[in-house]
Amino acid sequence: MTTATELEQAFRARGVTRGGALYLSAAEAMAMVDAARSASVRVLGIDGFRIGPNTTQPLMEHSCDLSDETRAKNPWQAAIEFISRQPADLSFEVILE
């Protein structure tokens, strides 16, 4: 059984790590969500960030909480749909259970 930690390690080389958090492009974030779906690891949320050479700016208006009951039935599809609607220049942290 694949765990959230194992998924994060598998994607670490595909993104930017700052302060222990992994930030992925939209395409890589969606790939991680698909991998989580295949491993039956729930997605609890998606947080959007603007990543600069020396800055990591969280953007709450580009974040999504998927832990509520409304989206609990298919958090993976909700995560992919959310990411696909965001600006192309953002990076994402995928929060896994």
N, C-alpha and C. Protein backbone atom coordinates (compact mmCIF):
# COMPACT_ATOMS: atom_id res chain seq x y z
N MET A 1 0.85 -1.19 0.00
CA MET A 1 0.00 0.00 0.00
C MET A 1 0.89 1.25 0.00
N THR A 2 0.62 2.15 -0.91
CA THR A 2 1.37 3.39 -1.01
C THR A 2 0.80 4.40 -0.02
N THR A 3 1.68 5.11 0.66
CA THR A 3 1.25 6.12 1.63
C THR A 3 1.44 7.52 1.05
N ALA A 4 0.89 8.50 1.73
CA ALA A 4 1.05 9.89 1.33
C ALA A 4 2.53 10.27 1.31
N THR A 5 3.28 9.83 2.29
CA THR A 5 4.71 10.13 2.37
C THR A 5 5.45 9.55 1.18
N GLU A 6 5.11 8.34 0.79
CA GLU A 6 5.75 7.71 -0.36
C GLU A 6 5.42 8.45 -1.66
N LEU A 7 4.19 8.90 -1.78
CA LEU A 7 3.80 9.68 -2.97
C LEU A 7 4.57 10.99 -3.02
N GLU A 8 4.66 11.67 -1.90
CA GLU A 8 5.40 12.94 -1.86
C GLU A 8 6.86 12.72 -2.23
N GLN A 9 7.46 11.66 -1.73
CA GLN A 9 8.86 11.36 -2.07
C GLN A 9 9.00 11.07 -3.57
N ALA A 10 8.06 10.37 -4.15
CA ALA A 10 8.11 10.04 -5.56
C ALA A 10 8.04 11.29 -6.45
N PHE A 11 7.38 12.34 -5.97
CA PHE A 11 7.21 13.56 -6.75
C PHE A 11 8.21 14.65 -6.38
N ARG A 12 9.02 14.43 -5.38
CA ARG A 12 9.94 15.47 -4.88
C ARG A 12 10.84 16.03 -5.97
N ALA A 13 11.36 15.18 -6.84
CA ALA A 13 12.26 15.64 -7.91
C ALA A 13 11.53 16.40 -9.01
N ARG A 14 10.21 16.38 -8.99
CA ARG A 14 9.41 17.00 -10.05
C ARG A 14 8.94 18.40 -9.68
N GLY A 15 9.31 18.87 -8.49
CA GLY A 15 8.85 20.18 -8.03
C GLY A 15 9.93 20.95 -7.31
N VAL A 16 9.50 21.92 -6.54
CA VAL A 16 10.38 22.77 -5.73
C VAL A 16 10.07 22.50 -4.27
N THR A 17 11.10 22.26 -3.46
CA THR A 17 10.89 22.04 -2.04
C THR A 17 11.44 23.24 -1.28
N ARG A 18 10.61 23.81 -0.42
CA ARG A 18 11.01 24.91 0.46
C ARG A 18 10.39 24.67 1.82
N GLY A 19 11.23 24.74 2.84
CA GLY A 19 10.73 24.54 4.19
C GLY A 19 10.05 23.20 4.40
N GLY A 20 10.47 22.21 3.63
CA GLY A 20 9.88 20.88 3.76
C GLY A 20 8.63 20.66 2.94
N ALA A 21 8.04 21.73 2.39
CA ALA A 21 6.83 21.60 1.58
C ALA A 21 7.21 21.44 0.10
N LEU A 22 6.44 20.64 -0.62
CA LEU A 22 6.66 20.38 -2.03
C LEU A 22 5.66 21.19 -2.85
N TYR A 23 6.17 21.98 -3.79
CA TYR A 23 5.35 22.80 -4.67
C TYR A 23 5.51 22.29 -6.10
N LEU A 24 4.38 22.02 -6.75
CA LEU A 24 4.37 21.42 -8.08
C LEU A 24 3.66 22.32 -9.08
N SER A 25 4.06 22.19 -10.36
CA SER A 25 3.32 22.86 -11.43
C SER A 25 1.92 22.25 -11.48
N ALA A 26 1.03 22.89 -12.22
CA ALA A 26 -0.33 22.37 -12.34
C ALA A 26 -0.33 20.95 -12.90
N ALA A 27 0.46 20.71 -13.95
CA ALA A 27 0.49 19.38 -14.57
C ALA A 27 1.01 18.33 -13.60
N GLU A 28 2.06 18.66 -12.87
CA GLU A 28 2.62 17.71 -11.90
C GLU A 28 1.67 17.50 -10.71
N ALA A 29 1.00 18.57 -10.29
CA ALA A 29 0.04 18.44 -9.19
C ALA A 29 -1.11 17.51 -9.59
N MET A 30 -1.58 17.65 -10.84
CA MET A 30 -2.65 16.76 -11.31
C MET A 30 -2.15 15.32 -11.43
N ALA A 31 -0.89 15.15 -11.83
CA ALA A 31 -0.31 13.80 -11.89
C ALA A 31 -0.23 13.20 -10.49
N MET A 32 0.12 14.02 -9.50
CA MET A 32 0.17 13.53 -8.12
C MET A 32 -1.22 13.14 -7.63
N VAL A 33 -2.23 13.93 -7.98
CA VAL A 33 -3.60 13.61 -7.61
C VAL A 33 -4.02 12.29 -8.24
N ASP A 34 -3.67 12.07 -9.50
CA ASP A 34 -3.99 10.80 -10.17
C ASP A 34 -3.29 9.63 -9.48
N ALA A 35 -2.02 9.84 -9.09
CA ALA A 35 -1.29 8.78 -8.38
C ALA A 35 -1.93 8.50 -7.03
N ALA A 36 -2.39 9.54 -6.36
CA ALA A 36 -3.08 9.37 -5.08
C ALA A 36 -4.38 8.59 -5.26
N ARG A 37 -5.11 8.90 -6.32
CA ARG A 37 -6.35 8.17 -6.62
C ARG A 37 -6.04 6.69 -6.82
N SER A 38 -5.01 6.38 -7.61
CA SER A 38 -4.64 4.99 -7.88
C SER A 38 -4.24 4.25 -6.61
N ALA A 39 -3.64 4.99 -5.66
CA ALA A 39 -3.20 4.38 -4.40
C ALA A 39 -4.25 4.48 -3.30
N SER A 40 -5.43 5.03 -3.61
CA SER A 40 -6.51 5.24 -2.64
C SER A 40 -6.08 6.11 -1.46
N VAL A 41 -5.24 7.11 -1.76
CA VAL A 41 -4.82 8.10 -0.76
C VAL A 41 -5.66 9.35 -1.01
N ARG A 42 -6.41 9.76 0.00
CA ARG A 42 -7.31 10.92 -0.15
C ARG A 42 -6.55 12.23 -0.29
N VAL A 43 -7.09 13.11 -1.10
CA VAL A 43 -6.59 14.48 -1.21
C VAL A 43 -7.45 15.33 -0.28
N LEU A 44 -6.80 15.99 0.67
CA LEU A 44 -7.52 16.82 1.64
C LEU A 44 -7.61 18.27 1.22
N GLY A 45 -6.68 18.69 0.35
CA GLY A 45 -6.71 20.08 -0.07
C GLY A 45 -5.64 20.39 -1.09
N ILE A 46 -5.81 21.54 -1.72
CA ILE A 46 -4.86 22.07 -2.69
C ILE A 46 -4.61 23.51 -2.30
N ASP A 47 -3.33 23.89 -2.19
CA ASP A 47 -2.98 25.27 -1.88
C ASP A 47 -2.16 25.84 -3.02
N GLY A 48 -2.57 27.01 -3.50
CA GLY A 48 -1.88 27.68 -4.59
C GLY A 48 -0.84 28.66 -4.07
N PHE A 49 0.28 28.75 -4.78
CA PHE A 49 1.38 29.62 -4.40
C PHE A 49 1.99 30.26 -5.63
N ARG A 50 2.54 31.44 -5.43
CA ARG A 50 3.39 32.06 -6.43
C ARG A 50 4.82 31.88 -5.92
N ILE A 51 5.64 31.18 -6.69
CA ILE A 51 7.00 30.87 -6.30
C ILE A 51 7.96 31.79 -7.06
N GLY A 52 8.76 32.55 -6.32
CA GLY A 52 9.78 33.39 -6.92
C GLY A 52 11.16 32.86 -6.56
N PRO A 53 12.22 33.50 -7.05
CA PRO A 53 13.57 33.03 -6.75
C PRO A 53 13.86 32.98 -5.25
N ASN A 54 13.32 33.95 -4.51
CA ASN A 54 13.58 34.01 -3.07
C ASN A 54 12.31 34.11 -2.24
N THR A 55 11.16 33.91 -2.87
CA THR A 55 9.89 34.07 -2.15
C THR A 55 8.94 32.91 -2.43
N THR A 56 8.09 32.67 -1.46
CA THR A 56 7.01 31.69 -1.59
C THR A 56 5.76 32.38 -1.06
N GLN A 57 4.89 32.81 -1.98
CA GLN A 57 3.71 33.60 -1.59
C GLN A 57 2.45 32.74 -1.64
N PRO A 58 1.84 32.46 -0.47
CA PRO A 58 0.58 31.71 -0.47
C PRO A 58 -0.55 32.59 -1.01
N LEU A 59 -1.45 31.97 -1.74
CA LEU A 59 -2.59 32.68 -2.33
C LEU A 59 -3.87 31.97 -1.90
N MET A 60 -4.45 32.43 -0.83
CA MET A 60 -5.63 31.76 -0.27
C MET A 60 -6.79 31.70 -1.26
N GLU A 61 -6.88 32.68 -2.14
CA GLU A 61 -7.96 32.66 -3.12
C GLU A 61 -7.77 31.56 -4.17
N HIS A 62 -6.59 30.94 -4.17
CA HIS A 62 -6.30 29.84 -5.09
C HIS A 62 -6.03 28.55 -4.32
N SER A 63 -6.73 28.40 -3.21
CA SER A 63 -6.62 27.20 -2.37
C SER A 63 -8.00 26.59 -2.20
N CYS A 64 -8.02 25.30 -1.93
CA CYS A 64 -9.29 24.58 -1.88
C CYS A 64 -9.24 23.51 -0.79
N ASP A 65 -10.21 23.51 0.10
CA ASP A 65 -10.33 22.52 1.16
C ASP A 65 -11.23 21.39 0.65
N LEU A 66 -10.68 20.19 0.57
CA LEU A 66 -11.44 19.05 0.07
C LEU A 66 -11.79 18.06 1.16
N SER A 67 -11.62 18.46 2.42
CA SER A 67 -11.86 17.54 3.53
C SER A 67 -13.33 17.50 3.96
N ASP A 68 -14.15 18.41 3.44
CA ASP A 68 -15.55 18.45 3.86
C ASP A 68 -16.37 17.33 3.21
N GLU A 69 -17.49 17.07 3.74
CA GLU A 69 -18.35 15.97 3.28
C GLU A 69 -18.85 16.17 1.86
N THR A 70 -19.02 17.40 1.42
CA THR A 70 -19.55 17.66 0.09
C THR A 70 -18.68 17.06 -1.00
N ARG A 71 -17.37 17.15 -0.80
CA ARG A 71 -16.45 16.67 -1.83
C ARG A 71 -15.80 15.34 -1.45
N ALA A 72 -16.21 14.77 -0.34
CA ALA A 72 -15.58 13.55 0.18
C ALA A 72 -15.74 12.35 -0.76
N LYS A 73 -16.79 12.34 -1.56
CA LYS A 73 -17.06 11.18 -2.41
C LYS A 73 -16.01 11.01 -3.51
N ASN A 74 -15.52 12.11 -4.07
CA ASN A 74 -14.50 12.03 -5.11
C ASN A 74 -13.57 13.24 -5.01
N PRO A 75 -12.73 13.27 -3.98
CA PRO A 75 -11.84 14.42 -3.80
C PRO A 75 -10.80 14.54 -4.92
N TRP A 76 -10.47 13.43 -5.58
CA TRP A 76 -9.48 13.46 -6.64
C TRP A 76 -10.01 14.24 -7.84
N GLN A 77 -11.23 13.97 -8.24
CA GLN A 77 -11.82 14.69 -9.38
C GLN A 77 -12.00 16.16 -9.03
N ALA A 78 -12.45 16.44 -7.81
CA ALA A 78 -12.61 17.83 -7.38
C ALA A 78 -11.27 18.56 -7.40
N ALA A 79 -10.19 17.88 -7.00
CA ALA A 79 -8.86 18.48 -6.99
C ALA A 79 -8.39 18.79 -8.41
N ILE A 80 -8.57 17.85 -9.31
CA ILE A 80 -8.14 18.06 -10.70
C ILE A 80 -8.93 19.20 -11.34
N GLU A 81 -10.24 19.23 -11.11
CA GLU A 81 -11.06 20.31 -11.66
C GLU A 81 -10.63 21.66 -11.10
N PHE A 82 -10.34 21.71 -9.79
CA PHE A 82 -9.90 22.96 -9.17
C PHE A 82 -8.58 23.43 -9.78
N ILE A 83 -7.59 22.55 -9.84
CA ILE A 83 -6.28 22.92 -10.38
C ILE A 83 -6.40 23.40 -11.82
N SER A 84 -7.21 22.74 -12.62
CA SER A 84 -7.34 23.09 -14.03
C SER A 84 -7.94 24.48 -14.25
N ARG A 85 -8.63 25.01 -13.25
CA ARG A 85 -9.24 26.35 -13.36
C ARG A 85 -8.32 27.47 -12.87
N GLN A 86 -7.13 27.14 -12.36
CA GLN A 86 -6.25 28.15 -11.77
C GLN A 86 -5.30 28.75 -12.81
N PRO A 87 -4.76 29.95 -12.52
CA PRO A 87 -3.80 30.58 -13.44
C PRO A 87 -2.59 29.66 -13.69
N ALA A 88 -2.09 29.70 -14.90
CA ALA A 88 -1.00 28.80 -15.32
C ALA A 88 0.31 29.04 -14.60
N ASP A 89 0.51 30.23 -14.05
CA ASP A 89 1.81 30.55 -13.43
C ASP A 89 1.90 30.15 -11.96
N LEU A 90 0.88 29.51 -11.42
CA LEU A 90 0.90 29.13 -10.01
C LEU A 90 1.55 27.76 -9.81
N SER A 91 2.03 27.55 -8.60
CA SER A 91 2.50 26.24 -8.14
C SER A 91 1.54 25.78 -7.05
N PHE A 92 1.50 24.47 -6.82
CA PHE A 92 0.52 23.92 -5.89
C PHE A 92 1.14 22.95 -4.90
N GLU A 93 0.64 23.02 -3.68
CA GLU A 93 0.96 22.02 -2.68
C GLU A 93 -0.28 21.13 -2.58
N VAL A 94 -0.08 19.85 -2.75
CA VAL A 94 -1.17 18.88 -2.65
C VAL A 94 -1.12 18.28 -1.26
N ILE A 95 -2.20 18.48 -0.49
CA ILE A 95 -2.27 17.97 0.88
C ILE A 95 -2.95 16.61 0.85
N LEU A 96 -2.21 15.58 1.27
CA LEU A 96 -2.73 14.22 1.24
C LEU A 96 -3.00 13.72 2.66
N GLU A 97 -3.94 12.81 2.77
CA GLU A 97 -4.29 12.22 4.07
C GLU A 97 -3.22 11.25 4.52
